[in-house]
Amino acid sequence: MNKNHWQAARQLAAELAQRNFDGNLLKTAASYMIAYPDADLHDWTYRLARLGNMFSSSNQTGHYRHELYEACLRVRPQPVNGRDWALVLAWAARLFNYYNANLQEARAISDVQGLRLSEPPPQFQPPQPATPTLMPEATLPEVREEVSEEATDYFARLQKMWNKKQE
């Protein structure tokens, strides 16, 4: 880990700790970049932010996703590839808990308390299914009221088996 990675990880962790962020999302981002080092982190966090609260465990998830997207854009110096981002995010996830408990140190690195986020990206809207067309009136087959001997016999056999089990 070089000096630039360390600086980026500290900045990211310090900023997110001050913003009432859920550190689990930082770990998720690190895991994603480790699994997909060729991925574009900014594209992934943008798409994640567009999901808002879809597929979330709380009503705050959309806000956390937007926070992560914006914080990754603010990081200086920017990691140059997915492998570097994976390293920065993994260390930021570790440092996050430290800065969460030591907010004065976090503010000394990067004070973002008064920072206002830009508008979140437009919310993803899944395609709506086409309006179903009503089927023409179908005529149902006529139901016979009487029960066949075979059905009565079968029911009687089941009843006998059930009674034996209950004894």
C-alpha atoms as a PDB file:
ATOM      1  CA  MET A   1       0.000   0.000   0.000  1.00  0.00           C
ATOM      2  CA  ASN A   2       1.543   3.273  -1.054  1.00  0.00           C
ATOM      3  CA  LYS A   3       1.171   6.791   0.348  1.00  0.00           C
ATOM      4  CA  ASN A   4      -1.627   7.714  -2.091  1.00  0.00           C
ATOM      5  CA  HIS A   5      -3.653   4.621  -1.194  1.00  0.00           C
ATOM      6  CA  TRP A   6      -3.243   5.344   2.498  1.00  0.00           C
ATOM      7  CA  GLN A   7      -4.307   8.978   2.062  1.00  0.00           C
ATOM      8  CA  ALA A   8      -7.385   7.983   0.044  1.00  0.00           C
ATOM      9  CA  ALA A   9      -8.400   5.272   2.554  1.00  0.00           C
ATOM     10  CA  ARG A  10      -8.055   7.654   5.512  1.00  0.00           C
ATOM     11  CA  GLN A  11     -10.032  10.384   3.752  1.00  0.00           C
ATOM     12  CA  LEU A  12     -12.823   8.031   2.731  1.00  0.00           C
ATOM     13  CA  ALA A  13     -13.118   6.450   6.192  1.00  0.00           C
ATOM     14  CA  ALA A  14     -12.961   9.794   8.003  1.00  0.00           C
ATOM     15  CA  GLU A  15     -15.603  11.411   5.793  1.00  0.00           C
ATOM     16  CA  LEU A  16     -18.035   8.517   5.950  1.00  0.00           C
ATOM     17  CA  ALA A  17     -17.650   8.192   9.731  1.00  0.00           C
ATOM     18  CA  GLN A  18     -18.824  11.793  10.106  1.00  0.00           C
ATOM     19  CA  ARG A  19     -21.868  11.259   7.895  1.00  0.00           C
ATOM     20  CA  ASN A  20     -23.771   8.613   9.934  1.00  0.00           C
ATOM     21  CA  PHE A  21     -22.882   6.047   7.326  1.00  0.00           C
ATOM     22  CA  ASP A  22     -23.389   2.272   7.545  1.00  0.00           C
ATOM     23  CA  GLY A  23     -19.935   0.698   7.461  1.00  0.00           C
ATOM     24  CA  ASN A  24     -21.347  -2.543   6.068  1.00  0.00           C
ATOM     25  CA  LEU A  25     -21.854  -0.867   2.703  1.00  0.00           C
ATOM     26  CA  LEU A  26     -18.182   0.078   2.654  1.00  0.00           C
ATOM     27  CA  LYS A  27     -17.305  -3.579   3.246  1.00  0.00           C
ATOM     28  CA  THR A  28     -19.689  -4.581   0.467  1.00  0.00           C
ATOM     29  CA  ALA A  29     -18.008  -2.159  -1.927  1.00  0.00           C
ATOM     30  CA  ALA A  30     -14.583  -3.518  -0.982  1.00  0.00           C
ATOM     31  CA  SER A  31     -15.788  -7.095  -1.519  1.00  0.00           C
ATOM     32  CA  TYR A  32     -17.273  -6.158  -4.890  1.00  0.00           C
ATOM     33  CA  MET A  33     -14.045  -4.555  -6.100  1.00  0.00           C
ATOM     34  CA  ILE A  34     -12.000  -7.519  -4.867  1.00  0.00           C
ATOM     35  CA  ALA A  35     -14.296  -9.905  -6.755  1.00  0.00           C
ATOM     36  CA  TYR A  36     -14.464  -7.686  -9.869  1.00  0.00           C
ATOM     37  CA  PRO A  37     -11.163  -5.770 -10.089  1.00  0.00           C
ATOM     38  CA  ASP A  38     -11.868  -4.723 -13.684  1.00  0.00           C
ATOM     39  CA  ALA A  39     -15.135  -3.032 -12.692  1.00  0.00           C
ATOM     40  CA  ASP A  40     -15.539   0.738 -12.739  1.00  0.00           C
ATOM     41  CA  LEU A  41     -16.230   1.717  -9.120  1.00  0.00           C
ATOM     42  CA  HIS A  42     -17.860   5.041 -10.008  1.00  0.00           C
ATOM     43  CA  ASP A  43     -20.226   3.321 -12.431  1.00  0.00           C
ATOM     44  CA  TRP A  44     -21.093   0.658  -9.853  1.00  0.00           C
ATOM     45  CA  THR A  45     -21.721   3.159  -7.034  1.00  0.00           C
ATOM     46  CA  TYR A  46     -23.795   5.312  -9.407  1.00  0.00           C
ATOM     47  CA  ARG A  47     -25.976   2.340 -10.353  1.00  0.00           C
ATOM     48  CA  LEU A  48     -26.216   1.394  -6.675  1.00  0.00           C
ATOM     49  CA  ALA A  49     -27.275   4.941  -5.762  1.00  0.00           C
ATOM     50  CA  ARG A  50     -29.943   4.818  -8.482  1.00  0.00           C
ATOM     51  CA  LEU A  51     -31.499   1.825  -6.749  1.00  0.00           C
ATOM     52  CA  GLY A  52     -32.303   4.033  -3.764  1.00  0.00           C
ATOM     53  CA  ASN A  53     -34.063   1.880  -1.182  1.00  0.00           C
ATOM     54  CA  MET A  54     -34.784  -0.977  -3.582  1.00  0.00           C
ATOM     55  CA  PHE A  55     -33.363  -4.271  -2.294  1.00  0.00           C
ATOM     56  CA  SER A  56     -32.555  -2.668   1.029  1.00  0.00           C
ATOM     57  CA  SER A  57     -32.810  -3.566   4.664  1.00  0.00           C
ATOM     58  CA  SER A  58     -33.787  -0.107   5.908  1.00  0.00           C
ATOM     59  CA  ASN A  59     -35.189   3.214   4.770  1.00  0.00           C
ATOM     60  CA  GLN A  60     -31.683   4.685   5.060  1.00  0.00           C
ATOM     61  CA  THR A  61     -30.000   2.429   2.495  1.00  0.00           C
ATOM     62  CA  GLY A  62     -30.660   4.800  -0.414  1.00  0.00           C
ATOM     63  CA  HIS A  63     -29.030   7.612   1.544  1.00  0.00           C
ATOM     64  CA  TYR A  64     -26.019   5.431   2.415  1.00  0.00           C
ATOM     65  CA  ARG A  65     -25.599   4.450  -1.235  1.00  0.00           C
ATOM     66  CA  HIS A  66     -25.690   8.090  -2.291  1.00  0.00           C
ATOM     67  CA  GLU A  67     -23.158   8.984   0.437  1.00  0.00           C
ATOM     68  CA  LEU A  68     -20.773   6.285  -0.789  1.00  0.00           C
ATOM     69  CA  TYR A  69     -21.097   7.422  -4.401  1.00  0.00           C
ATOM     70  CA  GLU A  70     -20.341  11.054  -3.514  1.00  0.00           C
ATOM     71  CA  ALA A  71     -17.518  10.205  -1.095  1.00  0.00           C
ATOM     72  CA  CYS A  72     -15.772   8.068  -3.714  1.00  0.00           C
ATOM     73  CA  LEU A  73     -15.959  10.972  -6.160  1.00  0.00           C
ATOM     74  CA  ARG A  74     -14.356  13.317  -3.563  1.00  0.00           C
ATOM     75  CA  VAL A  75     -11.420  11.028  -2.750  1.00  0.00           C
ATOM     76  CA  ARG A  76      -8.084  12.593  -3.638  1.00  0.00           C
ATOM     77  CA  PRO A  77      -5.897  11.228  -5.072  1.00  0.00           C
ATOM     78  CA  GLN A  78      -8.255   8.974  -7.029  1.00  0.00           C
ATOM     79  CA  PRO A  79      -7.170   5.333  -7.241  1.00  0.00           C
ATOM     80  CA  VAL A  80      -6.420   4.542 -10.868  1.00  0.00           C
ATOM     81  CA  ASN A  81      -7.924   1.069 -11.250  1.00  0.00           C
ATOM     82  CA  GLY A  82     -10.160  -1.522  -9.640  1.00  0.00           C
ATOM     83  CA  ARG A  83      -7.355  -3.252  -7.770  1.00  0.00           C
ATOM     84  CA  ASP A  84      -6.325   0.044  -6.185  1.00  0.00           C
ATOM     85  CA  TRP A  85      -9.946   0.812  -5.300  1.00  0.00           C
ATOM     86  CA  ALA A  86     -10.288  -2.627  -3.697  1.00  0.00           C
ATOM     87  CA  LEU A  87      -7.260  -1.903  -1.519  1.00  0.00           C
ATOM     88  CA  VAL A  88      -8.456   1.608  -0.588  1.00  0.00           C
ATOM     89  CA  LEU A  89     -11.997   0.439   0.205  1.00  0.00           C
ATOM     90  CA  ALA A  90     -10.798  -2.518   2.285  1.00  0.00           C
ATOM     91  CA  TRP A  91      -8.568  -0.263   4.382  1.00  0.00           C
ATOM     92  CA  ALA A  92     -11.272   2.396   4.620  1.00  0.00           C
ATOM     93  CA  ALA A  93     -13.659  -0.265   5.954  1.00  0.00           C
ATOM     94  CA  ARG A  94     -11.120  -1.112   8.665  1.00  0.00           C
ATOM     95  CA  LEU A  95     -10.425   2.535   9.519  1.00  0.00           C
ATOM     96  CA  PHE A  96     -14.116   3.479   9.477  1.00  0.00           C
ATOM     97  CA  ASN A  97     -14.789   1.996  12.933  1.00  0.00           C
ATOM     98  CA  TYR A  98     -11.767   3.807  14.372  1.00  0.00           C
ATOM     99  CA  TYR A  99     -12.841   7.177  12.985  1.00  0.00           C
ATOM    100  CA  ASN A 100     -16.440   6.520  13.971  1.00  0.00           C
ATOM    101  CA  ALA A 101     -15.230   6.321  17.586  1.00  0.00           C
ATOM    102  CA  ASN A 102     -12.774   9.247  17.156  1.00  0.00           C
ATOM    103  CA  LEU A 103     -14.722  11.884  15.266  1.00  0.00           C
ATOM    104  CA  GLN A 104     -12.322  14.712  16.184  1.00  0.00           C
ATOM    105  CA  GLU A 105      -9.520  12.896  14.390  1.00  0.00           C
ATOM    106  CA  ALA A 106     -11.842  12.284  11.454  1.00  0.00           C
ATOM    107  CA  ARG A 107     -12.652  16.028  11.252  1.00  0.00           C
ATOM    108  CA  ALA A 108      -8.945  16.838  11.324  1.00  0.00           C
ATOM    109  CA  ILE A 109      -8.466  14.736   8.185  1.00  0.00           C
ATOM    110  CA  SER A 110     -11.479  16.023   6.265  1.00  0.00           C
ATOM    111  CA  ASP A 111     -14.279  18.019   7.887  1.00  0.00           C
ATOM    112  CA  VAL A 112     -17.473  17.270   5.955  1.00  0.00           C
ATOM    113  CA  GLN A 113     -20.114  18.004   8.587  1.00  0.00           C
ATOM    114  CA  GLY A 114     -21.504  20.988   6.672  1.00  0.00           C
ATOM    115  CA  LEU A 115     -21.198  19.306   3.289  1.00  0.00           C
ATOM    116  CA  ARG A 116     -24.408  19.074   1.305  1.00  0.00           C
ATOM    117  CA  LEU A 117     -24.824  16.202  -1.109  1.00  0.00           C
ATOM    118  CA  SER A 118     -25.859  16.848  -4.660  1.00  0.00           C
ATOM    119  CA  GLU A 119     -29.238  15.553  -5.756  1.00  0.00           C
ATOM    120  CA  PRO A 120     -29.258  11.770  -5.896  1.00  0.00           C
ATOM    121  CA  PRO A 121     -29.185  10.221  -9.345  1.00  0.00           C
ATOM    122  CA  PRO A 122     -32.590   9.564 -10.880  1.00  0.00           C
ATOM    123  CA  GLN A 123     -34.268   6.596  -9.265  1.00  0.00           C
ATOM    124  CA  PHE A 124     -34.221   3.393 -11.284  1.00  0.00           C
ATOM    125  CA  GLN A 125     -37.684   2.487 -12.513  1.00  0.00           C
ATOM    126  CA  PRO A 126     -38.106  -1.134 -13.522  1.00  0.00           C
ATOM    127  CA  PRO A 127     -40.030  -1.600 -16.739  1.00  0.00           C
ATOM    128  CA  GLN A 128     -43.720  -1.933 -16.092  1.00  0.00           C
ATOM    129  CA  PRO A 129     -45.388  -5.028 -17.469  1.00  0.00           C
ATOM    130  CA  ALA A 130     -47.782  -4.440 -20.295  1.00  0.00           C
ATOM    131  CA  THR A 131     -51.386  -4.082 -19.267  1.00  0.00           C
ATOM    132  CA  PRO A 132     -52.893  -7.538 -19.450  1.00  0.00           C
ATOM    133  CA  THR A 133     -55.582  -7.940 -22.013  1.00  0.00           C
ATOM    134  CA  LEU A 134     -58.753  -9.530 -20.829  1.00  0.00           C
ATOM    135  CA  MET A 135     -59.542 -12.883 -22.267  1.00  0.00           C
ATOM    136  CA  PRO A 136     -62.859 -13.242 -23.996  1.00  0.00           C
ATOM    137  CA  GLU A 137     -65.629 -14.735 -21.921  1.00  0.00           C
ATOM    138  CA  ALA A 138     -64.964 -18.405 -21.684  1.00  0.00           C
ATOM    139  CA  THR A 139     -67.643 -20.903 -21.083  1.00  0.00           C
ATOM    140  CA  LEU A 140     -66.774 -23.298 -18.346  1.00  0.00           C
ATOM    141  CA  PRO A 141     -67.620 -26.950 -18.724  1.00  0.00           C
ATOM    142  CA  GLU A 142     -70.678 -28.073 -16.878  1.00  0.00           C
ATOM    143  CA  VAL A 143     -69.933 -29.735 -13.538  1.00  0.00           C
ATOM    144  CA  ARG A 144     -71.799 -32.893 -12.699  1.00  0.00           C
ATOM    145  CA  GLU A 145     -73.358 -32.796  -9.258  1.00  0.00           C
ATOM    146  CA  GLU A 146     -73.243 -36.513  -8.558  1.00  0.00           C
ATOM    147  CA  VAL A 147     -70.058 -38.197  -7.397  1.00  0.00           C
ATOM    148  CA  SER A 148     -68.911 -41.280  -9.236  1.00  0.00           C
ATOM    149  CA  GLU A 149     -68.769 -44.677  -7.534  1.00  0.00           C
ATOM    150  CA  GLU A 150     -65.042 -44.726  -8.101  1.00  0.00           C
ATOM    151  CA  ALA A 151     -64.561 -41.411  -6.270  1.00  0.00           C
ATOM    152  CA  THR A 152     -66.789 -42.510  -3.392  1.00  0.00           C
ATOM    153  CA  ASP A 153     -64.895 -45.779  -3.108  1.00  0.00           C
ATOM    154  CA  TYR A 154     -61.515 -43.994  -3.141  1.00  0.00           C
ATOM    155  CA  PHE A 155     -62.664 -41.548  -0.461  1.00  0.00           C
ATOM    156  CA  ALA A 156     -63.930 -44.415   1.699  1.00  0.00           C
ATOM    157  CA  ARG A 157     -60.573 -46.189   1.468  1.00  0.00           C
ATOM    158  CA  LEU A 158     -58.715 -43.012   2.478  1.00  0.00           C
ATOM    159  CA  GLN A 159     -61.072 -42.518   5.405  1.00  0.00           C
ATOM    160  CA  LYS A 160     -60.427 -46.097   6.604  1.00  0.00           C
ATOM    161  CA  MET A 161     -56.635 -45.579   6.357  1.00  0.00           C
ATOM    162  CA  TRP A 162     -56.904 -42.354   8.339  1.00  0.00           C
ATOM    163  CA  ASN A 163     -59.019 -43.976  11.038  1.00  0.00           C
ATOM    164  CA  LYS A 164     -56.484 -46.808  11.412  1.00  0.00           C
ATOM    165  CA  LYS A 165     -53.664 -44.276  11.844  1.00  0.00           C
ATOM    166  CA  GLN A 166     -55.618 -42.477  14.549  1.00  0.00           C
ATOM    167  CA  GLU A 167     -56.153 -45.652  16.593  1.00  0.00           C
END
